[in-house]
């Protein structure tokens, strides 16, 4: 019998674009009486995360509180999800404290996946030290050969790339997006590989390399002609009427 929540099961239940459906699927999985208590509790932390994405902050907080006091991996997950709730509410300084606690607790437990998750959230909540947190997260990955955990490199480098692009450093952003694409090719899902190629093209446009960007976006359009982000970039690159914010 599984003694803790395994990531493949959570991947199957969780869809960040569908927090309502995710909460329902997770609740059903957590209600099974044959599951170990720790697994049911871990699932409830993810249900709280889904509540947070719906703006149901009080319910999410109460659900996490109902799981305390906690130790070990459950403590890591509770603190991590409290940080996510605080960050979503715009309480970034408090969120950073939670994520730092989650990072240290995950390291004590030897859980690379959750340590990287905490560090990647620190890079989001604490952008002034975004590079530091990204590198710390990447360093955690040296301890594993698990492809599912190594997939974190896609998100880490993608997030760092967008931060740099927002700061106006298109060339540095392009380097990060290239690294995200390399990771996506090796460890990512088809959607991640598509999104990583799109991000490279987007950075190419900002770097003044419009012809290369247009060529790549056209190739992406052959695969997914109705993709709104590809359509928007093609409009931006060809002078057509814009569709969505480029």
C-alpha atoms as a PDB file:
ATOM      1  CA  UNK A   1       0.000   0.000   0.000  1.00  0.00           C
ATOM      2  CA  UNK A   2       1.245   3.497  -0.878  1.00  0.00           C
ATOM      3  CA  UNK A   3       2.187   5.318   2.316  1.00  0.00           C
ATOM      4  CA  UNK A   4       2.266   8.801   0.828  1.00  0.00           C
ATOM      5  CA  UNK A   5       0.909  10.704  -2.144  1.00  0.00           C
ATOM      6  CA  UNK A   6       2.740   9.879  -5.337  1.00  0.00           C
ATOM      7  CA  UNK A   7       3.259  12.553  -7.962  1.00  0.00           C
ATOM      8  CA  UNK A   8       1.808  10.585 -10.918  1.00  0.00           C
ATOM      9  CA  UNK A   9      -1.515  10.313  -9.081  1.00  0.00           C
ATOM     10  CA  UNK A  10      -1.509  14.028  -8.309  1.00  0.00           C
ATOM     11  CA  UNK A  11      -0.636  14.845 -11.923  1.00  0.00           C
ATOM     12  CA  UNK A  12      -3.693  12.882 -13.041  1.00  0.00           C
ATOM     13  CA  UNK A  13      -5.977  14.716 -10.608  1.00  0.00           C
ATOM     14  CA  UNK A  14      -4.623  18.244 -10.930  1.00  0.00           C
ATOM     15  CA  UNK A  15      -5.292  20.765 -13.695  1.00  0.00           C
ATOM     16  CA  UNK A  16      -4.230  24.310 -12.884  1.00  0.00           C
ATOM     17  CA  UNK A  17      -6.615  25.622 -15.572  1.00  0.00           C
ATOM     18  CA  UNK A  18      -9.554  23.832 -13.941  1.00  0.00           C
ATOM     19  CA  UNK A  19      -9.367  24.399 -10.179  1.00  0.00           C
ATOM     20  CA  UNK A  20     -13.049  23.571  -9.681  1.00  0.00           C
ATOM     21  CA  UNK A  21     -12.756  20.201 -11.382  1.00  0.00           C
ATOM     22  CA  UNK A  22      -9.431  19.585  -9.671  1.00  0.00           C
ATOM     23  CA  UNK A  23     -10.966  20.190  -6.246  1.00  0.00           C
ATOM     24  CA  UNK A  24     -13.774  17.752  -7.020  1.00  0.00           C
ATOM     25  CA  UNK A  25     -11.443  15.019  -8.260  1.00  0.00           C
ATOM     26  CA  UNK A  26      -9.105  15.463  -5.307  1.00  0.00           C
ATOM     27  CA  UNK A  27     -12.009  15.389  -2.828  1.00  0.00           C
ATOM     28  CA  UNK A  28     -13.211  12.106  -4.322  1.00  0.00           C
ATOM     29  CA  UNK A  29      -9.721  10.606  -4.088  1.00  0.00           C
ATOM     30  CA  UNK A  30      -9.288  11.825  -0.506  1.00  0.00           C
ATOM     31  CA  UNK A  31     -12.636  10.364   0.583  1.00  0.00           C
ATOM     32  CA  UNK A  32     -11.625   6.773  -0.130  1.00  0.00           C
ATOM     33  CA  UNK A  33     -11.470   5.036   3.271  1.00  0.00           C
ATOM     34  CA  UNK A  34      -8.928   2.479   2.071  1.00  0.00           C
ATOM     35  CA  UNK A  35      -6.266   5.140   1.602  1.00  0.00           C
ATOM     36  CA  UNK A  36      -3.587   5.720   4.260  1.00  0.00           C
ATOM     37  CA  UNK A  37      -4.287   8.720   6.467  1.00  0.00           C
ATOM     38  CA  UNK A  38      -1.198  10.568   5.231  1.00  0.00           C
ATOM     39  CA  UNK A  39      -2.246  10.202   1.594  1.00  0.00           C
ATOM     40  CA  UNK A  40      -5.727  11.537   2.351  1.00  0.00           C
ATOM     41  CA  UNK A  41      -4.229  14.474   4.257  1.00  0.00           C
ATOM     42  CA  UNK A  42      -1.751  15.281   1.489  1.00  0.00           C
ATOM     43  CA  UNK A  43      -4.617  15.256  -1.001  1.00  0.00           C
ATOM     44  CA  UNK A  44      -6.505  17.724   1.179  1.00  0.00           C
ATOM     45  CA  UNK A  45      -3.604  20.178   0.964  1.00  0.00           C
ATOM     46  CA  UNK A  46      -4.001  20.097  -2.798  1.00  0.00           C
ATOM     47  CA  UNK A  47      -7.726  20.623  -2.478  1.00  0.00           C
ATOM     48  CA  UNK A  48      -6.883  23.733  -0.445  1.00  0.00           C
ATOM     49  CA  UNK A  49      -4.625  24.862  -3.286  1.00  0.00           C
ATOM     50  CA  UNK A  50      -7.515  24.466  -5.723  1.00  0.00           C
ATOM     51  CA  UNK A  51      -9.740  26.528  -3.398  1.00  0.00           C
ATOM     52  CA  UNK A  52      -7.114  29.263  -3.371  1.00  0.00           C
ATOM     53  CA  UNK A  53      -7.099  29.451  -7.160  1.00  0.00           C
ATOM     54  CA  UNK A  54     -10.867  29.950  -6.972  1.00  0.00           C
ATOM     55  CA  UNK A  55     -10.447  32.826  -4.518  1.00  0.00           C
ATOM     56  CA  UNK A  56     -11.956  30.747  -1.697  1.00  0.00           C
ATOM     57  CA  UNK A  57      -9.214  31.781   0.702  1.00  0.00           C
ATOM     58  CA  UNK A  58     -11.087  31.327   3.979  1.00  0.00           C
ATOM     59  CA  UNK A  59     -12.125  27.787   3.042  1.00  0.00           C
ATOM     60  CA  UNK A  60      -8.604  26.953   1.948  1.00  0.00           C
ATOM     61  CA  UNK A  61      -7.119  28.294   5.167  1.00  0.00           C
ATOM     62  CA  UNK A  62      -9.645  26.403   7.290  1.00  0.00           C
ATOM     63  CA  UNK A  63      -8.946  23.169   5.442  1.00  0.00           C
ATOM     64  CA  UNK A  64      -5.216  23.498   6.016  1.00  0.00           C
ATOM     65  CA  UNK A  65      -5.796  24.342   9.684  1.00  0.00           C
ATOM     66  CA  UNK A  66      -7.867  21.166  10.060  1.00  0.00           C
ATOM     67  CA  UNK A  67      -4.790  19.121   9.113  1.00  0.00           C
ATOM     68  CA  UNK A  68      -2.602  20.575  11.870  1.00  0.00           C
ATOM     69  CA  UNK A  69      -0.558  19.911  13.886  1.00  0.00           C
ATOM     70  CA  UNK A  70       1.522  18.073  11.319  1.00  0.00           C
ATOM     71  CA  UNK A  71       5.047  16.803  10.908  1.00  0.00           C
ATOM     72  CA  UNK A  72       7.200  15.480   8.111  1.00  0.00           C
ATOM     73  CA  UNK A  73       5.985  15.684   4.517  1.00  0.00           C
ATOM     74  CA  UNK A  74       2.503  16.788   5.525  1.00  0.00           C
ATOM     75  CA  UNK A  75       3.992  19.779   7.335  1.00  0.00           C
ATOM     76  CA  UNK A  76       5.950  20.657   4.186  1.00  0.00           C
ATOM     77  CA  UNK A  77       2.827  20.565   2.056  1.00  0.00           C
ATOM     78  CA  UNK A  78       0.759  22.620   4.508  1.00  0.00           C
ATOM     79  CA  UNK A  79       3.373  25.372   4.762  1.00  0.00           C
ATOM     80  CA  UNK A  80       3.885  25.369   1.002  1.00  0.00           C
ATOM     81  CA  UNK A  81       0.167  25.760   0.337  1.00  0.00           C
ATOM     82  CA  UNK A  82      -0.147  28.471   2.992  1.00  0.00           C
ATOM     83  CA  UNK A  83       2.568  30.319   1.095  1.00  0.00           C
ATOM     84  CA  UNK A  84       0.702  29.940  -2.176  1.00  0.00           C
ATOM     85  CA  UNK A  85      -2.482  31.274  -0.594  1.00  0.00           C
ATOM     86  CA  UNK A  86      -0.671  34.300   0.824  1.00  0.00           C
ATOM     87  CA  UNK A  87       1.031  34.975  -2.479  1.00  0.00           C
ATOM     88  CA  UNK A  88      -2.249  34.799  -4.388  1.00  0.00           C
ATOM     89  CA  UNK A  89      -3.756  37.234  -1.902  1.00  0.00           C
ATOM     90  CA  UNK A  90      -0.889  39.632  -2.606  1.00  0.00           C
ATOM     91  CA  UNK A  91       0.724  39.193   0.840  1.00  0.00           C
ATOM     92  CA  UNK A  92       4.125  38.533  -0.681  1.00  0.00           C
ATOM     93  CA  UNK A  93       6.372  39.157   2.331  1.00  0.00           C
ATOM     94  CA  UNK A  94       4.401  36.672   4.418  1.00  0.00           C
ATOM     95  CA  UNK A  95       4.393  34.232   1.509  1.00  0.00           C
ATOM     96  CA  UNK A  96       8.185  34.411   1.268  1.00  0.00           C
ATOM     97  CA  UNK A  97       8.465  33.425   4.942  1.00  0.00           C
ATOM     98  CA  UNK A  98       6.226  30.401   4.345  1.00  0.00           C
ATOM     99  CA  UNK A  99       8.121  29.326   1.235  1.00  0.00           C
ATOM    100  CA  UNK A 100      11.455  29.621   3.032  1.00  0.00           C
ATOM    101  CA  UNK A 101      10.110  27.441   5.846  1.00  0.00           C
ATOM    102  CA  UNK A 102       8.787  24.941   3.296  1.00  0.00           C
ATOM    103  CA  UNK A 103      12.146  24.836   1.519  1.00  0.00           C
ATOM    104  CA  UNK A 104      14.061  24.106   4.696  1.00  0.00           C
ATOM    105  CA  UNK A 105      11.517  21.522   5.843  1.00  0.00           C
ATOM    106  CA  UNK A 106      11.570  19.765   2.456  1.00  0.00           C
ATOM    107  CA  UNK A 107      15.349  19.632   2.595  1.00  0.00           C
ATOM    108  CA  UNK A 108      15.199  18.081   6.066  1.00  0.00           C
ATOM    109  CA  UNK A 109      12.814  15.456   4.726  1.00  0.00           C
ATOM    110  CA  UNK A 110      15.001  14.828   1.677  1.00  0.00           C
ATOM    111  CA  UNK A 111      12.101  15.541  -0.682  1.00  0.00           C
ATOM    112  CA  UNK A 112      13.626  17.056  -3.813  1.00  0.00           C
ATOM    113  CA  UNK A 113      10.315  17.639  -5.584  1.00  0.00           C
ATOM    114  CA  UNK A 114       8.838  19.733  -2.790  1.00  0.00           C
ATOM    115  CA  UNK A 115      12.131  21.554  -2.196  1.00  0.00           C
ATOM    116  CA  UNK A 116      12.211  22.617  -5.840  1.00  0.00           C
ATOM    117  CA  UNK A 117       8.538  23.587  -5.660  1.00  0.00           C
ATOM    118  CA  UNK A 118       9.243  25.827  -2.664  1.00  0.00           C
ATOM    119  CA  UNK A 119      12.301  27.429  -4.280  1.00  0.00           C
ATOM    120  CA  UNK A 120      10.431  28.023  -7.530  1.00  0.00           C
ATOM    121  CA  UNK A 121       7.666  29.761  -5.577  1.00  0.00           C
ATOM    122  CA  UNK A 122      10.285  31.882  -3.824  1.00  0.00           C
ATOM    123  CA  UNK A 123      11.539  33.030  -7.224  1.00  0.00           C
ATOM    124  CA  UNK A 124       7.984  34.147  -8.028  1.00  0.00           C
ATOM    125  CA  UNK A 125       7.156  35.765  -4.686  1.00  0.00           C
ATOM    126  CA  UNK A 126      10.607  37.336  -4.172  1.00  0.00           C
ATOM    127  CA  UNK A 127      11.553  38.597  -7.652  1.00  0.00           C
ATOM    128  CA  UNK A 128      14.415  40.732  -6.335  1.00  0.00           C
ATOM    129  CA  UNK A 129      16.190  37.458  -5.562  1.00  0.00           C
ATOM    130  CA  UNK A 130      14.628  35.535  -8.422  1.00  0.00           C
ATOM    131  CA  UNK A 131      17.942  34.476  -9.925  1.00  0.00           C
ATOM    132  CA  UNK A 132      19.219  33.221  -6.571  1.00  0.00           C
ATOM    133  CA  UNK A 133      16.102  31.150  -5.900  1.00  0.00           C
ATOM    134  CA  UNK A 134      16.085  29.748  -9.427  1.00  0.00           C
ATOM    135  CA  UNK A 135      19.682  28.612  -9.068  1.00  0.00           C
ATOM    136  CA  UNK A 136      18.935  27.094  -5.661  1.00  0.00           C
ATOM    137  CA  UNK A 137      16.035  25.171  -7.152  1.00  0.00           C
ATOM    138  CA  UNK A 138      18.178  23.973 -10.041  1.00  0.00           C
ATOM    139  CA  UNK A 139      20.887  22.864  -7.604  1.00  0.00           C
ATOM    140  CA  UNK A 140      18.343  20.694  -5.786  1.00  0.00           C
ATOM    141  CA  UNK A 141      17.791  18.785  -9.028  1.00  0.00           C
ATOM    142  CA  UNK A 142      21.369  17.528  -8.995  1.00  0.00           C
ATOM    143  CA  UNK A 143      20.237  15.028  -6.350  1.00  0.00           C
ATOM    144  CA  UNK A 144      17.819  13.182  -8.638  1.00  0.00           C
ATOM    145  CA  UNK A 145      17.586  11.271 -11.909  1.00  0.00           C
ATOM    146  CA  UNK A 146      13.788  11.068 -11.796  1.00  0.00           C
ATOM    147  CA  UNK A 147      12.470  12.487 -15.106  1.00  0.00           C
ATOM    148  CA  UNK A 148       9.258  13.755 -13.473  1.00  0.00           C
ATOM    149  CA  UNK A 149      11.242  15.764 -10.938  1.00  0.00           C
ATOM    150  CA  UNK A 150      13.713  16.973 -13.558  1.00  0.00           C
ATOM    151  CA  UNK A 151      10.743  18.356 -15.493  1.00  0.00           C
ATOM    152  CA  UNK A 152      10.874  21.221 -12.986  1.00  0.00           C
ATOM    153  CA  UNK A 153      13.679  22.698 -15.107  1.00  0.00           C
ATOM    154  CA  UNK A 154      11.093  23.629 -17.724  1.00  0.00           C
ATOM    155  CA  UNK A 155       9.112  25.780 -15.291  1.00  0.00           C
ATOM    156  CA  UNK A 156      12.189  27.178 -13.551  1.00  0.00           C
ATOM    157  CA  UNK A 157      13.811  28.455 -16.719  1.00  0.00           C
ATOM    158  CA  UNK A 158      10.542  29.571 -18.261  1.00  0.00           C
ATOM    159  CA  UNK A 159       9.636  31.627 -15.195  1.00  0.00           C
ATOM    160  CA  UNK A 160      13.092  33.165 -15.076  1.00  0.00           C
ATOM    161  CA  UNK A 161      12.867  33.983 -18.764  1.00  0.00           C
ATOM    162  CA  UNK A 162       9.610  35.862 -18.335  1.00  0.00           C
ATOM    163  CA  UNK A 163      11.008  37.827 -15.411  1.00  0.00           C
ATOM    164  CA  UNK A 164      13.964  38.907 -17.533  1.00  0.00           C
ATOM    165  CA  UNK A 165      11.733  39.766 -20.474  1.00  0.00           C
ATOM    166  CA  UNK A 166       9.581  41.949 -18.232  1.00  0.00           C
ATOM    167  CA  UNK A 167      12.778  43.672 -17.067  1.00  0.00           C
ATOM    168  CA  UNK A 168      13.625  44.436 -20.697  1.00  0.00           C
ATOM    169  CA  UNK A 169      16.569  42.050 -21.093  1.00  0.00           C
ATOM    170  CA  UNK A 170      15.428  40.101 -24.141  1.00  0.00           C
ATOM    171  CA  UNK A 171      18.775  38.440 -24.820  1.00  0.00           C
ATOM    172  CA  UNK A 172      19.054  37.057 -21.296  1.00  0.00           C
ATOM    173  CA  UNK A 173      15.413  35.976 -21.471  1.00  0.00           C
ATOM    174  CA  UNK A 174      16.107  34.173 -24.723  1.00  0.00           C
ATOM    175  CA  UNK A 175      18.925  32.227 -23.095  1.00  0.00           C
ATOM    176  CA  UNK A 176      16.586  31.117 -20.313  1.00  0.00           C
ATOM    177  CA  UNK A 177      13.844  30.163 -22.766  1.00  0.00           C
ATOM    178  CA  UNK A 178      16.382  28.136 -24.745  1.00  0.00           C
ATOM    179  CA  UNK A 179      17.248  26.271 -21.540  1.00  0.00           C
ATOM    180  CA  UNK A 180      13.556  25.731 -20.841  1.00  0.00           C
ATOM    181  CA  UNK A 181      13.136  24.301 -24.337  1.00  0.00           C
ATOM    182  CA  UNK A 182      16.064  21.934 -23.853  1.00  0.00           C
ATOM    183  CA  UNK A 183      14.487  20.669 -20.637  1.00  0.00           C
ATOM    184  CA  UNK A 184      11.067  20.387 -22.273  1.00  0.00           C
ATOM    185  CA  UNK A 185      12.485  18.306 -25.111  1.00  0.00           C
ATOM    186  CA  UNK A 186      14.145  15.960 -22.640  1.00  0.00           C
ATOM    187  CA  UNK A 187      11.596  15.775 -19.832  1.00  0.00           C
ATOM    188  CA  UNK A 188       8.489  17.779 -20.700  1.00  0.00           C
ATOM    189  CA  UNK A 189       5.016  17.131 -22.010  1.00  0.00           C
ATOM    190  CA  UNK A 190       3.964  17.951 -25.591  1.00  0.00           C
ATOM    191  CA  UNK A 191       2.195  21.084 -24.333  1.00  0.00           C
ATOM    192  CA  UNK A 192       5.333  22.191 -22.498  1.00  0.00           C
ATOM    193  CA  UNK A 193       7.437  21.688 -25.614  1.00  0.00           C
ATOM    194  CA  UNK A 194       4.996  23.729 -27.692  1.00  0.00           C
ATOM    195  CA  UNK A 195       4.862  26.514 -25.089  1.00  0.00           C
ATOM    196  CA  UNK A 196       8.654  26.544 -24.779  1.00  0.00           C
ATOM    197  CA  UNK A 197       9.079  26.998 -28.539  1.00  0.00           C
ATOM    198  CA  UNK A 198       6.503  29.795 -28.475  1.00  0.00           C
ATOM    199  CA  UNK A 199       8.404  31.550 -25.666  1.00  0.00           C
ATOM    200  CA  UNK A 200      11.653  31.350 -27.645  1.00  0.00           C
ATOM    201  CA  UNK A 201       9.910  32.988 -30.601  1.00  0.00           C
ATOM    202  CA  UNK A 202       8.428  35.663 -28.358  1.00  0.00           C
ATOM    203  CA  UNK A 203      11.862  36.527 -26.987  1.00  0.00           C
ATOM    204  CA  UNK A 204      13.306  36.588 -30.499  1.00  0.00           C
ATOM    205  CA  UNK A 205      10.758  39.263 -31.428  1.00  0.00           C
ATOM    206  CA  UNK A 206      11.718  41.372 -28.409  1.00  0.00           C
ATOM    207  CA  UNK A 207      15.388  40.893 -29.280  1.00  0.00           C
ATOM    208  CA  UNK A 208      14.776  42.397 -32.737  1.00  0.00           C
ATOM    209  CA  UNK A 209      15.121  39.080 -34.568  1.00  0.00           C
ATOM    210  CA  UNK A 210      11.718  39.268 -36.210  1.00  0.00           C
ATOM    211  CA  UNK A 211      12.444  37.011 -39.182  1.00  0.00           C
ATOM    212  CA  UNK A 212      13.535  34.139 -36.940  1.00  0.00           C
ATOM    213  CA  UNK A 213      10.534  34.714 -34.687  1.00  0.00           C
ATOM    214  CA  UNK A 214       8.153  34.710 -37.654  1.00  0.00           C
ATOM    215  CA  UNK A 215       9.603  31.507 -39.048  1.00  0.00           C
ATOM    216  CA  UNK A 216       9.185  29.746 -35.705  1.00  0.00           C
ATOM    217  CA  UNK A 217       5.648  31.042 -35.147  1.00  0.00           C
ATOM    218  CA  UNK A 218       4.635  29.885 -38.609  1.00  0.00           C
ATOM    219  CA  UNK A 219       5.893  26.400 -37.810  1.00  0.00           C
ATOM    220  CA  UNK A 220       3.898  26.458 -34.589  1.00  0.00           C
ATOM    221  CA  UNK A 221       0.830  27.605 -36.537  1.00  0.00           C
ATOM    222  CA  UNK A 222       1.118  24.557 -38.780  1.00  0.00           C
ATOM    223  CA  UNK A 223       0.742  22.393 -35.676  1.00  0.00           C
ATOM    224  CA  UNK A 224      -1.941  24.415 -33.895  1.00  0.00           C
ATOM    225  CA  UNK A 225      -3.459  26.973 -36.264  1.00  0.00           C
ATOM    226  CA  UNK A 226      -6.120  28.111 -33.789  1.00  0.00           C
ATOM    227  CA  UNK A 227      -3.781  28.694 -30.864  1.00  0.00           C
ATOM    228  CA  UNK A 228      -4.623  32.267 -29.752  1.00  0.00           C
ATOM    229  CA  UNK A 229      -1.079  33.072 -28.612  1.00  0.00           C
ATOM    230  CA  UNK A 230       0.410  31.963 -31.909  1.00  0.00           C
ATOM    231  CA  UNK A 231      -2.242  33.962 -33.791  1.00  0.00           C
ATOM    232  CA  UNK A 232      -1.443  37.018 -31.672  1.00  0.00           C
ATOM    233  CA  UNK A 233       2.284  36.728 -32.323  1.00  0.00           C
ATOM    234  CA  UNK A 234       1.772  36.299 -36.054  1.00  0.00           C
ATOM    235  CA  UNK A 235      -0.326  39.466 -36.004  1.00  0.00           C
ATOM    236  CA  UNK A 236       2.375  41.331 -34.096  1.00  0.00           C
ATOM    237  CA  UNK A 237       5.068  40.136 -36.496  1.00  0.00           C
ATOM    238  CA  UNK A 238       3.182  40.822 -39.729  1.00  0.00           C
ATOM    239  CA  UNK A 239       1.365  44.015 -38.816  1.00  0.00           C
ATOM    240  CA  UNK A 240      -2.057  42.381 -38.914  1.00  0.00           C
ATOM    241  CA  UNK A 241      -4.816  43.546 -36.625  1.00  0.00           C
ATOM    242  CA  UNK A 242      -4.012  42.324 -33.091  1.00  0.00           C
ATOM    243  CA  UNK A 243      -6.154  39.644 -31.473  1.00  0.00           C
ATOM    244  CA  UNK A 244      -4.968  39.406 -27.862  1.00  0.00           C
ATOM    245  CA  UNK A 245      -2.306  41.272 -25.927  1.00  0.00           C
ATOM    246  CA  UNK A 246       1.010  40.251 -27.583  1.00  0.00           C
END
